[in-house]
Structure formats: structure tokens, C-alpha cells
């Protein structure tokens, strides 16, 4: 299965490594652009996901905006089966959500406190489960007058 992975921070790295380790065909990794850091903001620091992807010799895309037409064409040419989103940092628009033929899934770590049932955490601080959602185009019900 051809996968396009979207992620940026350290939190997303284990998910990327798991996909690669399980033998998925990770066609590309999409992450935020390198960020300026330091007092003079002159040194560019790559996101942790980029570092991990390059260590696995994966193709990395770093669009300023995921709505860029050239970026969308490059992604479409990869013909992904599925997209996996883990803390990417942008709200994905319908034209991007509809690219993978089997859709996109979002692995969310943001809402553990609100969604983790009592007693489901292991003895450490790591959660025992992670919420996963299919990304879909929001549909506003039509109003009848």
C-alpha cells in the first residue's frame, strides 16, 4: 500500500518509523519547512520528521502551504493509496484530502485527557491507545425553507 505521511514534530516520528518498519511503501513524507532558530534566526533547523525520513532515504516535501498547486500535482503523481496525518500543523483542504484513493487518517495525540477512559493508561506517561479518525470533507446540512 502506497502511503503519503504528513507530520512534523517528534511526536510523529514513531508513527513514521512504524509504517516503514511494517513494510508500507512510504512514497513521500510531507512536513513543515525548516524553521529558523537562535537569537539571529539565521540557522535553519529541520523538523524531527524530516530527519527521520532522510535517515530512511524517503522523499521529503516541505511546502510552505499544502494548497500549492505544484505540490498537489507532485503528490497526485505519486498515486497514493492512503494518507496518514500525525501532527502535521496545517488544516488540510478538500483537494488534498481527496488525493489518496482510500482516504486519509489522522492520528491524534492532542486529546488524550479528554478521550482516554479511566484506567486505560499504562503505569508510565505513555497512553495505552491513540485516537485515529478518518479525515473527511465537512458537509454542512442544507437548510430547507
C-alpha atoms as a PDB file:
ATOM      1  CA  UNK A   1       0.000   0.000   0.000  1.00  0.00           C
ATOM      2  CA  UNK A   2       1.417   3.389  -1.051  1.00  0.00           C
ATOM      3  CA  UNK A   3       1.356   5.848   1.811  1.00  0.00           C
ATOM      4  CA  UNK A   4       1.947   9.587   1.997  1.00  0.00           C
ATOM      5  CA  UNK A   5       2.857  10.595   5.551  1.00  0.00           C
ATOM      6  CA  UNK A   6       2.156  14.093   6.933  1.00  0.00           C
ATOM      7  CA  UNK A   7       3.880  15.045  10.196  1.00  0.00           C
ATOM      8  CA  UNK A   8       6.300  17.493  11.766  1.00  0.00           C
ATOM      9  CA  UNK A   9       7.229  17.156  15.488  1.00  0.00           C
ATOM     10  CA  UNK A  10       8.963  14.414  17.460  1.00  0.00           C
ATOM     11  CA  UNK A  11       5.532  13.013  18.383  1.00  0.00           C
ATOM     12  CA  UNK A  12       5.051  11.937  14.729  1.00  0.00           C
ATOM     13  CA  UNK A  13       8.384  10.126  14.327  1.00  0.00           C
ATOM     14  CA  UNK A  14       7.351   6.783  15.931  1.00  0.00           C
ATOM     15  CA  UNK A  15       4.344   6.549  13.600  1.00  0.00           C
ATOM     16  CA  UNK A  16       6.566   7.127  10.554  1.00  0.00           C
ATOM     17  CA  UNK A  17       9.067   4.537  11.761  1.00  0.00           C
ATOM     18  CA  UNK A  18       6.241   2.060  12.387  1.00  0.00           C
ATOM     19  CA  UNK A  19       4.945   2.443   8.816  1.00  0.00           C
ATOM     20  CA  UNK A  20       8.423   1.899   7.392  1.00  0.00           C
ATOM     21  CA  UNK A  21       9.121  -0.974   9.795  1.00  0.00           C
ATOM     22  CA  UNK A  22       5.891  -2.752   8.853  1.00  0.00           C
ATOM     23  CA  UNK A  23       6.867  -2.647   5.185  1.00  0.00           C
ATOM     24  CA  UNK A  24       4.477   0.002   3.891  1.00  0.00           C
ATOM     25  CA  UNK A  25       5.561   1.764   0.705  1.00  0.00           C
ATOM     26  CA  UNK A  26       6.014   5.292   2.067  1.00  0.00           C
ATOM     27  CA  UNK A  27       6.016   7.194  -1.223  1.00  0.00           C
ATOM     28  CA  UNK A  28       6.659  10.593   0.391  1.00  0.00           C
ATOM     29  CA  UNK A  29       6.822  12.429   3.689  1.00  0.00           C
ATOM     30  CA  UNK A  30       5.287  15.898   3.928  1.00  0.00           C
ATOM     31  CA  UNK A  31       6.493  18.124   6.740  1.00  0.00           C
ATOM     32  CA  UNK A  32       6.764  21.798   7.675  1.00  0.00           C
ATOM     33  CA  UNK A  33       9.673  23.801   6.212  1.00  0.00           C
ATOM     34  CA  UNK A  34      12.889  24.040   8.206  1.00  0.00           C
ATOM     35  CA  UNK A  35      12.451  26.662  10.926  1.00  0.00           C
ATOM     36  CA  UNK A  36      14.867  29.485  11.770  1.00  0.00           C
ATOM     37  CA  UNK A  37      16.245  29.188  15.260  1.00  0.00           C
ATOM     38  CA  UNK A  38      18.561  31.067  17.549  1.00  0.00           C
ATOM     39  CA  UNK A  39      18.911  34.677  18.502  1.00  0.00           C
ATOM     40  CA  UNK A  40      19.723  35.867  14.985  1.00  0.00           C
ATOM     41  CA  UNK A  41      17.246  33.364  13.441  1.00  0.00           C
ATOM     42  CA  UNK A  42      19.945  32.596  10.885  1.00  0.00           C
ATOM     43  CA  UNK A  43      20.255  28.854  11.499  1.00  0.00           C
ATOM     44  CA  UNK A  44      17.607  26.612   9.928  1.00  0.00           C
ATOM     45  CA  UNK A  45      16.604  23.560  11.962  1.00  0.00           C
ATOM     46  CA  UNK A  46      14.861  20.672  10.191  1.00  0.00           C
ATOM     47  CA  UNK A  47      11.714  19.197  11.755  1.00  0.00           C
ATOM     48  CA  UNK A  48      12.229  15.840  13.530  1.00  0.00           C
ATOM     49  CA  UNK A  49      10.096  14.057  10.915  1.00  0.00           C
ATOM     50  CA  UNK A  50      12.387  15.294   8.125  1.00  0.00           C
ATOM     51  CA  UNK A  51      15.446  14.000   9.972  1.00  0.00           C
ATOM     52  CA  UNK A  52      13.800  10.583  10.456  1.00  0.00           C
ATOM     53  CA  UNK A  53      12.589  10.443   6.823  1.00  0.00           C
ATOM     54  CA  UNK A  54      16.021  11.266   5.439  1.00  0.00           C
ATOM     55  CA  UNK A  55      17.552   8.575   7.656  1.00  0.00           C
ATOM     56  CA  UNK A  56      15.211   6.106   5.897  1.00  0.00           C
ATOM     57  CA  UNK A  57      16.013   7.565   2.431  1.00  0.00           C
ATOM     58  CA  UNK A  58      12.409   8.690   1.930  1.00  0.00           C
ATOM     59  CA  UNK A  59      11.308  11.513  -0.358  1.00  0.00           C
ATOM     60  CA  UNK A  60      10.554  14.660   1.668  1.00  0.00           C
ATOM     61  CA  UNK A  61       8.295  17.541   0.630  1.00  0.00           C
ATOM     62  CA  UNK A  62       8.265  20.787   2.621  1.00  0.00           C
ATOM     63  CA  UNK A  63       5.670  23.065   1.022  1.00  0.00           C
ATOM     64  CA  UNK A  64       5.065  26.480   2.555  1.00  0.00           C
ATOM     65  CA  UNK A  65       1.354  25.787   2.116  1.00  0.00           C
ATOM     66  CA  UNK A  66      -0.181  22.381   1.367  1.00  0.00           C
ATOM     67  CA  UNK A  67      -2.599  24.082  -1.039  1.00  0.00           C
ATOM     68  CA  UNK A  68       0.158  24.994  -3.511  1.00  0.00           C
ATOM     69  CA  UNK A  69      -0.812  23.778  -6.993  1.00  0.00           C
ATOM     70  CA  UNK A  70       2.629  22.428  -7.909  1.00  0.00           C
ATOM     71  CA  UNK A  71       2.798  20.491  -4.639  1.00  0.00           C
ATOM     72  CA  UNK A  72      -0.652  18.978  -5.198  1.00  0.00           C
ATOM     73  CA  UNK A  73       0.358  17.855  -8.707  1.00  0.00           C
ATOM     74  CA  UNK A  74       3.519  16.201  -7.408  1.00  0.00           C
ATOM     75  CA  UNK A  75       1.504  14.392  -4.757  1.00  0.00           C
ATOM     76  CA  UNK A  76      -1.153  13.325  -7.281  1.00  0.00           C
ATOM     77  CA  UNK A  77       1.582  11.853  -9.498  1.00  0.00           C
ATOM     78  CA  UNK A  78       2.604   9.541  -6.633  1.00  0.00           C
ATOM     79  CA  UNK A  79      -0.848   7.890  -6.752  1.00  0.00           C
ATOM     80  CA  UNK A  80      -1.040   7.245  -3.000  1.00  0.00           C
ATOM     81  CA  UNK A  81      -3.494   4.698  -1.635  1.00  0.00           C
ATOM     82  CA  UNK A  82      -3.754   6.378   1.756  1.00  0.00           C
ATOM     83  CA  UNK A  83      -2.519   9.422   3.650  1.00  0.00           C
ATOM     84  CA  UNK A  84      -1.515   9.292   7.305  1.00  0.00           C
ATOM     85  CA  UNK A  85      -1.537  12.568   9.247  1.00  0.00           C
ATOM     86  CA  UNK A  86       0.227  12.840  12.614  1.00  0.00           C
ATOM     87  CA  UNK A  87       0.629  16.374  13.999  1.00  0.00           C
ATOM     88  CA  UNK A  88       1.350  17.980  10.637  1.00  0.00           C
ATOM     89  CA  UNK A  89       0.478  21.549  11.575  1.00  0.00           C
ATOM     90  CA  UNK A  90      -1.867  22.620   8.772  1.00  0.00           C
ATOM     91  CA  UNK A  91      -5.566  22.164   8.225  1.00  0.00           C
ATOM     92  CA  UNK A  92      -5.839  20.052   5.095  1.00  0.00           C
ATOM     93  CA  UNK A  93      -8.194  21.269   2.372  1.00  0.00           C
ATOM     94  CA  UNK A  94     -10.616  19.005   0.460  1.00  0.00           C
ATOM     95  CA  UNK A  95      -8.450  18.919  -2.681  1.00  0.00           C
ATOM     96  CA  UNK A  96      -5.652  17.365  -0.611  1.00  0.00           C
ATOM     97  CA  UNK A  97      -7.906  15.097   1.459  1.00  0.00           C
ATOM     98  CA  UNK A  98      -9.347  13.594  -1.722  1.00  0.00           C
ATOM     99  CA  UNK A  99      -5.990  12.699  -3.338  1.00  0.00           C
ATOM    100  CA  UNK A 100      -5.350   9.260  -1.779  1.00  0.00           C
ATOM    101  CA  UNK A 101      -7.784   6.776  -3.258  1.00  0.00           C
ATOM    102  CA  UNK A 102      -8.592   5.200   0.128  1.00  0.00           C
ATOM    103  CA  UNK A 103      -8.642   8.495   2.015  1.00  0.00           C
ATOM    104  CA  UNK A 104      -6.673   9.959   4.904  1.00  0.00           C
ATOM    105  CA  UNK A 105      -6.431   9.013   8.565  1.00  0.00           C
ATOM    106  CA  UNK A 106      -5.497  11.375  11.346  1.00  0.00           C
ATOM    107  CA  UNK A 107      -3.632  10.022  14.364  1.00  0.00           C
ATOM    108  CA  UNK A 108      -4.323  12.493  17.131  1.00  0.00           C
ATOM    109  CA  UNK A 109      -2.386  12.834  20.340  1.00  0.00           C
ATOM    110  CA  UNK A 110      -3.918  16.138  21.299  1.00  0.00           C
ATOM    111  CA  UNK A 111      -6.978  14.961  23.181  1.00  0.00           C
ATOM    112  CA  UNK A 112      -5.733  12.184  25.462  1.00  0.00           C
ATOM    113  CA  UNK A 113      -7.031  13.760  28.653  1.00  0.00           C
ATOM    114  CA  UNK A 114     -10.487  14.314  27.207  1.00  0.00           C
ATOM    115  CA  UNK A 115     -10.861  10.970  25.447  1.00  0.00           C
ATOM    116  CA  UNK A 116      -8.806   8.412  27.353  1.00  0.00           C
ATOM    117  CA  UNK A 117     -11.041   6.222  29.502  1.00  0.00           C
ATOM    118  CA  UNK A 118     -10.056   5.941  33.171  1.00  0.00           C
ATOM    119  CA  UNK A 119      -7.605   3.138  33.824  1.00  0.00           C
ATOM    120  CA  UNK A 120      -6.527   2.842  30.188  1.00  0.00           C
ATOM    121  CA  UNK A 121      -3.124   4.400  30.723  1.00  0.00           C
ATOM    122  CA  UNK A 122      -0.170   2.232  31.483  1.00  0.00           C
ATOM    123  CA  UNK A 123       1.924   2.897  34.585  1.00  0.00           C
ATOM    124  CA  UNK A 124       4.060   5.476  32.736  1.00  0.00           C
ATOM    125  CA  UNK A 125       3.016   8.655  30.997  1.00  0.00           C
ATOM    126  CA  UNK A 126       2.534   6.997  27.608  1.00  0.00           C
ATOM    127  CA  UNK A 127      -1.097   6.473  26.614  1.00  0.00           C
ATOM    128  CA  UNK A 128      -2.374   2.939  26.137  1.00  0.00           C
ATOM    129  CA  UNK A 129      -4.242   3.961  22.958  1.00  0.00           C
ATOM    130  CA  UNK A 130      -4.270   6.761  20.422  1.00  0.00           C
ATOM    131  CA  UNK A 131      -7.407   8.168  18.774  1.00  0.00           C
ATOM    132  CA  UNK A 132      -7.493   7.653  14.986  1.00  0.00           C
ATOM    133  CA  UNK A 133     -10.020   9.407  12.749  1.00  0.00           C
ATOM    134  CA  UNK A 134     -10.760   9.323   9.052  1.00  0.00           C
ATOM    135  CA  UNK A 135     -10.322  12.772   7.534  1.00  0.00           C
ATOM    136  CA  UNK A 136     -13.326  13.751   5.517  1.00  0.00           C
ATOM    137  CA  UNK A 137     -14.650  16.817   3.878  1.00  0.00           C
ATOM    138  CA  UNK A 138     -17.019  18.527   6.263  1.00  0.00           C
ATOM    139  CA  UNK A 139     -20.546  18.550   4.974  1.00  0.00           C
ATOM    140  CA  UNK A 140     -22.919  21.248   6.116  1.00  0.00           C
ATOM    141  CA  UNK A 141     -26.526  20.059   6.037  1.00  0.00           C
ATOM    142  CA  UNK A 142     -28.621  22.051   3.633  1.00  0.00           C
ATOM    143  CA  UNK A 143     -31.318  24.201   5.151  1.00  0.00           C
ATOM    144  CA  UNK A 144     -34.834  23.757   3.937  1.00  0.00           C
ATOM    145  CA  UNK A 145     -37.023  26.804   3.949  1.00  0.00           C
END
